[in-house]
Amino acid sequence: MAVADVFDIEKKKVAQIDLNDTVFGAEVNDAVIYDVIKMQLASRRSGTASTKTRSDVRGGGKKPWRQKGTGRARAGTSRSPIWRSGGTVFGPHPRDYSYNIPKKVRRKAIICALSMKLKENKMVILKDFPMDKISTHIFKGVVDLFSFKKALFVIDENNEVLLKSSRNIKNVKMIRSEGINVYDILNHEHLILLEPSVKKIEGALLA
């Protein structure tokens, strides 16, 4: 079982915590991570791109010229795709890009991402993050003390003070343990877990 140091917000080591090897010591599977991130990004696509076909473009009801005798090619409508201001052929239309992959695969990908962060020494566990009032300045001071460039904070419960203190800091995101996902973990250089959230994550992934 892996052991990790636990720090306070002054960057002082205050304790150690045992980490479940099944969650934080797994072998990294790049293919699984790729599949899940691809699914997440596809689900985030708005799918609102839309083009008009020849039947959707206004006008073009009149035949431009008679069928024969002009020396020009036949034309039935000025909204033909080969004409300027005509319709679009095979253009995009509103659609849903989202799809699902098995729950076990999604769970495995999160485990791989957590294990990767631990192996790369990019995961920090904080005892807690005590703040009595909303203060971006105080929160930013902690981020700078740990030299976090792009950080994902995972908290165990809803904390309005922390959420509002962190939301205006560039490259810092805060989520609850229930919302942990592969894309956010790997899209941030550092992963910061509040100690109570560790057991919640382990419990959810081992259930």
Protein backbone atom coordinates (compact mmCIF):
# COMPACT_ATOMS: atom_id res chain seq x y z
CA MET A 1 0.00 0.00 0.00
CA ALA A 2 1.42 3.37 -1.03
CA VAL A 3 1.98 6.08 1.55
CA ALA A 4 1.65 9.78 0.75
CA ASP A 5 2.52 12.85 2.74
CA VAL A 6 -0.24 15.17 3.94
CA PHE A 7 0.43 18.92 4.05
CA ASP A 8 -1.28 21.92 5.53
CA ILE A 9 -1.81 25.14 3.56
CA GLU A 10 1.55 26.43 4.85
CA LYS A 11 3.29 23.57 3.01
CA LYS A 12 4.25 21.82 6.24
CA LYS A 13 4.06 18.05 6.44
CA VAL A 14 1.54 17.20 9.14
CA ALA A 15 0.79 13.51 8.57
CA GLN A 16 0.86 10.56 6.20
CA ILE A 17 -1.97 8.68 4.57
CA ASP A 18 -2.24 5.15 3.18
CA LEU A 19 -3.40 5.01 -0.43
CA ASN A 20 -5.10 1.98 -1.92
CA ASP A 21 -2.85 0.43 -4.56
CA THR A 22 -5.84 -0.58 -6.64
CA VAL A 23 -6.74 3.09 -7.12
CA PHE A 24 -3.42 4.91 -6.90
CA GLY A 25 -0.94 2.19 -7.88
CA ALA A 26 -2.45 0.74 -11.03
CA GLU A 27 -0.64 0.23 -14.31
CA VAL A 28 -1.37 3.09 -16.70
CA ASN A 29 -3.33 2.04 -19.78
CA ASP A 30 -2.99 4.76 -22.43
CA ALA A 31 -5.63 3.22 -24.71
CA VAL A 32 -8.30 3.31 -21.99
CA ILE A 33 -7.46 6.92 -21.13
CA TYR A 34 -7.64 7.90 -24.81
CA ASP A 35 -11.03 6.28 -25.29
CA VAL A 36 -12.56 8.00 -22.26
CA ILE A 37 -11.15 11.45 -23.07
CA LYS A 38 -12.40 11.10 -26.64
CA MET A 39 -15.86 10.27 -25.28
CA GLN A 40 -15.80 13.23 -22.88
CA LEU A 41 -14.79 15.71 -25.56
CA ALA A 42 -17.40 14.33 -27.96
CA SER A 43 -20.08 14.77 -25.31
CA ARG A 44 -19.07 18.41 -24.84
CA ARG A 45 -19.60 19.28 -28.51
CA SER A 46 -22.62 21.49 -28.99
CA GLY A 47 -23.54 19.91 -32.33
CA THR A 48 -25.36 23.06 -33.45
CA ALA A 49 -23.55 23.61 -36.77
CA SER A 50 -26.11 23.84 -39.55
CA THR A 51 -26.11 24.51 -43.30
CA LYS A 52 -28.90 24.90 -45.85
CA THR A 53 -29.51 22.48 -48.67
CA ARG A 54 -30.93 23.64 -52.01
CA SER A 55 -34.45 23.17 -50.69
CA ASP A 56 -33.76 25.36 -47.63
CA VAL A 57 -32.34 28.38 -49.47
CA ARG A 58 -34.96 31.05 -50.11
CA GLY A 59 -35.89 31.75 -53.73
CA GLY A 60 -34.94 29.84 -56.85
CA GLY A 61 -38.48 28.84 -57.73
CA LYS A 62 -38.30 30.21 -61.24
CA LYS A 63 -36.39 28.39 -63.95
CA PRO A 64 -33.45 30.70 -64.84
CA TRP A 65 -33.90 30.21 -68.62
CA ARG A 66 -35.72 27.95 -71.00
CA GLN A 67 -34.62 24.36 -71.34
CA LYS A 68 -33.44 24.44 -74.96
CA GLY A 69 -32.11 26.79 -77.56
CA THR A 70 -29.94 29.11 -75.45
CA GLY A 71 -26.63 27.29 -75.91
CA ARG A 72 -26.20 27.12 -72.16
CA ALA A 73 -26.43 24.15 -69.87
CA ARG A 74 -29.80 23.18 -68.49
CA ALA A 75 -30.72 24.87 -65.22
CA GLY A 76 -33.78 24.28 -63.10
CA THR A 77 -33.07 26.59 -60.15
CA SER A 78 -30.63 29.30 -59.18
CA ARG A 79 -30.28 27.66 -55.76
CA SER A 80 -28.41 24.65 -57.17
CA PRO A 81 -25.25 23.83 -55.16
CA ILE A 82 -23.08 24.64 -58.19
CA TRP A 83 -24.43 28.19 -58.33
CA ARG A 84 -23.33 31.11 -56.22
CA SER A 85 -25.73 31.58 -53.27
CA GLY A 86 -26.96 28.04 -53.82
CA GLY A 87 -27.42 25.33 -51.25
CA THR A 88 -24.69 23.27 -49.60
CA VAL A 89 -24.05 19.63 -50.40
CA PHE A 90 -23.36 17.26 -47.48
CA GLY A 91 -22.96 20.16 -45.05
CA PRO A 92 -23.27 19.76 -41.28
CA HIS A 93 -26.65 19.61 -39.58
CA PRO A 94 -27.53 19.67 -35.87
CA ARG A 95 -26.68 16.36 -34.26
CA ASP A 96 -25.74 14.77 -30.96
CA TYR A 97 -22.09 13.72 -30.87
CA SER A 98 -22.23 12.10 -27.44
CA TYR A 99 -21.89 8.38 -26.90
CA ASN A 100 -21.29 6.07 -23.97
CA ILE A 101 -18.65 3.52 -23.13
CA PRO A 102 -18.91 0.90 -20.36
CA LYS A 103 -18.83 2.12 -16.78
CA LYS A 104 -15.96 -0.23 -15.95
CA VAL A 105 -13.85 1.36 -18.69
CA ARG A 106 -14.58 4.88 -17.39
CA ARG A 107 -13.70 3.79 -13.86
CA LYS A 108 -10.47 2.17 -15.08
CA ALA A 109 -9.49 5.37 -16.88
CA ILE A 110 -9.91 7.47 -13.73
CA ILE A 111 -7.79 4.97 -11.79
CA CYS A 112 -5.08 5.17 -14.47
CA ALA A 113 -5.13 8.97 -14.37
CA LEU A 114 -4.84 9.06 -10.57
CA SER A 115 -2.01 6.52 -10.63
CA MET A 116 -0.21 8.56 -13.28
CA LYS A 117 -0.35 11.73 -11.20
CA LEU A 118 1.00 9.92 -8.14
CA LYS A 119 3.86 8.33 -10.08
CA GLU A 120 4.80 11.70 -11.59
CA ASN A 121 4.74 13.35 -8.14
CA LYS A 122 2.08 15.72 -9.39
CA MET A 123 -0.46 14.87 -6.69
CA VAL A 124 -0.62 16.78 -3.41
CA ILE A 125 -2.83 15.92 -0.45
CA LEU A 126 -3.91 18.73 1.88
CA LYS A 127 -5.11 18.12 5.43
CA ASP A 128 -7.76 20.78 4.93
CA PHE A 129 -8.14 24.28 3.54
CA PRO A 130 -9.47 26.46 6.36
CA MET A 131 -10.90 29.79 5.21
CA ASP A 132 -13.34 31.87 7.24
CA LYS A 133 -14.17 34.31 4.46
CA ILE A 134 -14.04 34.54 0.69
CA SER A 135 -10.58 35.76 -0.31
CA THR A 136 -8.99 35.30 -3.70
CA HIS A 137 -5.78 36.83 -2.33
CA ILE A 138 -5.39 34.22 0.42
CA PHE A 139 -6.20 31.34 -1.93
CA LYS A 140 -3.77 32.67 -4.54
CA GLY A 141 -1.09 32.85 -1.82
CA VAL A 142 -1.44 29.12 -1.14
CA VAL A 143 -1.30 28.32 -4.86
CA ASP A 144 1.88 30.37 -5.24
CA LEU A 145 3.43 28.80 -2.13
CA PHE A 146 3.10 25.32 -3.64
CA SER A 147 4.16 26.64 -7.08
CA PHE A 148 1.04 25.28 -8.77
CA LYS A 149 0.92 26.42 -12.39
CA LYS A 150 -2.26 24.65 -13.48
CA ALA A 151 -4.09 22.95 -10.65
CA LEU A 152 -7.22 20.90 -10.08
CA PHE A 153 -8.55 20.97 -6.51
CA VAL A 154 -10.83 18.14 -5.38
CA ILE A 155 -12.93 18.76 -2.29
CA ASP A 156 -15.13 16.31 -0.41
CA GLU A 157 -18.17 18.53 0.06
CA ASN A 158 -19.67 21.73 -1.24
CA ASN A 159 -17.71 24.70 0.12
CA GLU A 160 -18.88 28.08 -1.17
CA VAL A 161 -15.97 29.93 0.44
CA LEU A 162 -13.36 27.85 -1.40
CA LEU A 163 -15.32 27.81 -4.65
CA LYS A 164 -15.75 31.57 -4.75
CA SER A 165 -12.19 32.23 -3.60
CA SER A 166 -10.72 30.15 -6.41
CA ARG A 167 -12.99 30.91 -9.37
CA ASN A 168 -11.15 34.06 -10.49
CA ILE A 169 -7.69 32.51 -10.44
CA LYS A 170 -6.35 31.59 -13.84
CA ASN A 171 -5.62 27.89 -14.47
CA VAL A 172 -7.23 26.79 -11.20
CA LYS A 173 -10.35 24.65 -11.09
CA MET A 174 -12.19 23.19 -8.12
CA ILE A 175 -14.57 20.22 -8.25
CA ARG A 176 -16.18 17.86 -5.77
CA SER A 177 -14.99 14.28 -5.50
CA GLU A 178 -18.19 13.06 -7.16
CA GLY A 179 -17.31 15.00 -10.31
CA ILE A 180 -13.75 13.77 -10.74
CA ASN A 181 -13.03 12.82 -14.34
CA VAL A 182 -10.14 11.84 -16.59
CA TYR A 183 -10.08 14.96 -18.77
CA ASP A 184 -9.85 17.41 -15.85
CA ILE A 185 -7.19 15.34 -14.09
CA LEU A 186 -4.92 15.18 -17.12
CA ASN A 187 -5.71 18.70 -18.32
CA HIS A 188 -4.15 20.11 -15.16
CA GLU A 189 -0.52 19.72 -14.18
CA HIS A 190 -1.15 19.27 -10.47
CA LEU A 191 -3.91 17.38 -8.69
CA ILE A 192 -4.67 18.57 -5.16
CA LEU A 193 -6.87 16.38 -2.99
CA LEU A 194 -8.29 17.36 0.37
CA GLU A 195 -7.67 14.43 2.72
CA PRO A 196 -11.38 13.58 3.27
CA SER A 197 -11.89 13.36 -0.50
CA VAL A 198 -9.29 10.59 -0.84
CA LYS A 199 -11.44 8.02 0.97
CA LYS A 200 -14.51 9.15 -0.94
CA ILE A 201 -12.73 8.62 -4.25
CA GLU A 202 -11.43 5.21 -3.19
CA GLY A 203 -14.87 4.18 -1.97
CA ALA A 204 -16.54 5.21 -5.23
CA LEU A 205 -13.98 3.52 -7.47
CA LEU A 206 -13.88 0.29 -5.48
CA ALA A 207 -17.64 -0.03 -5.03
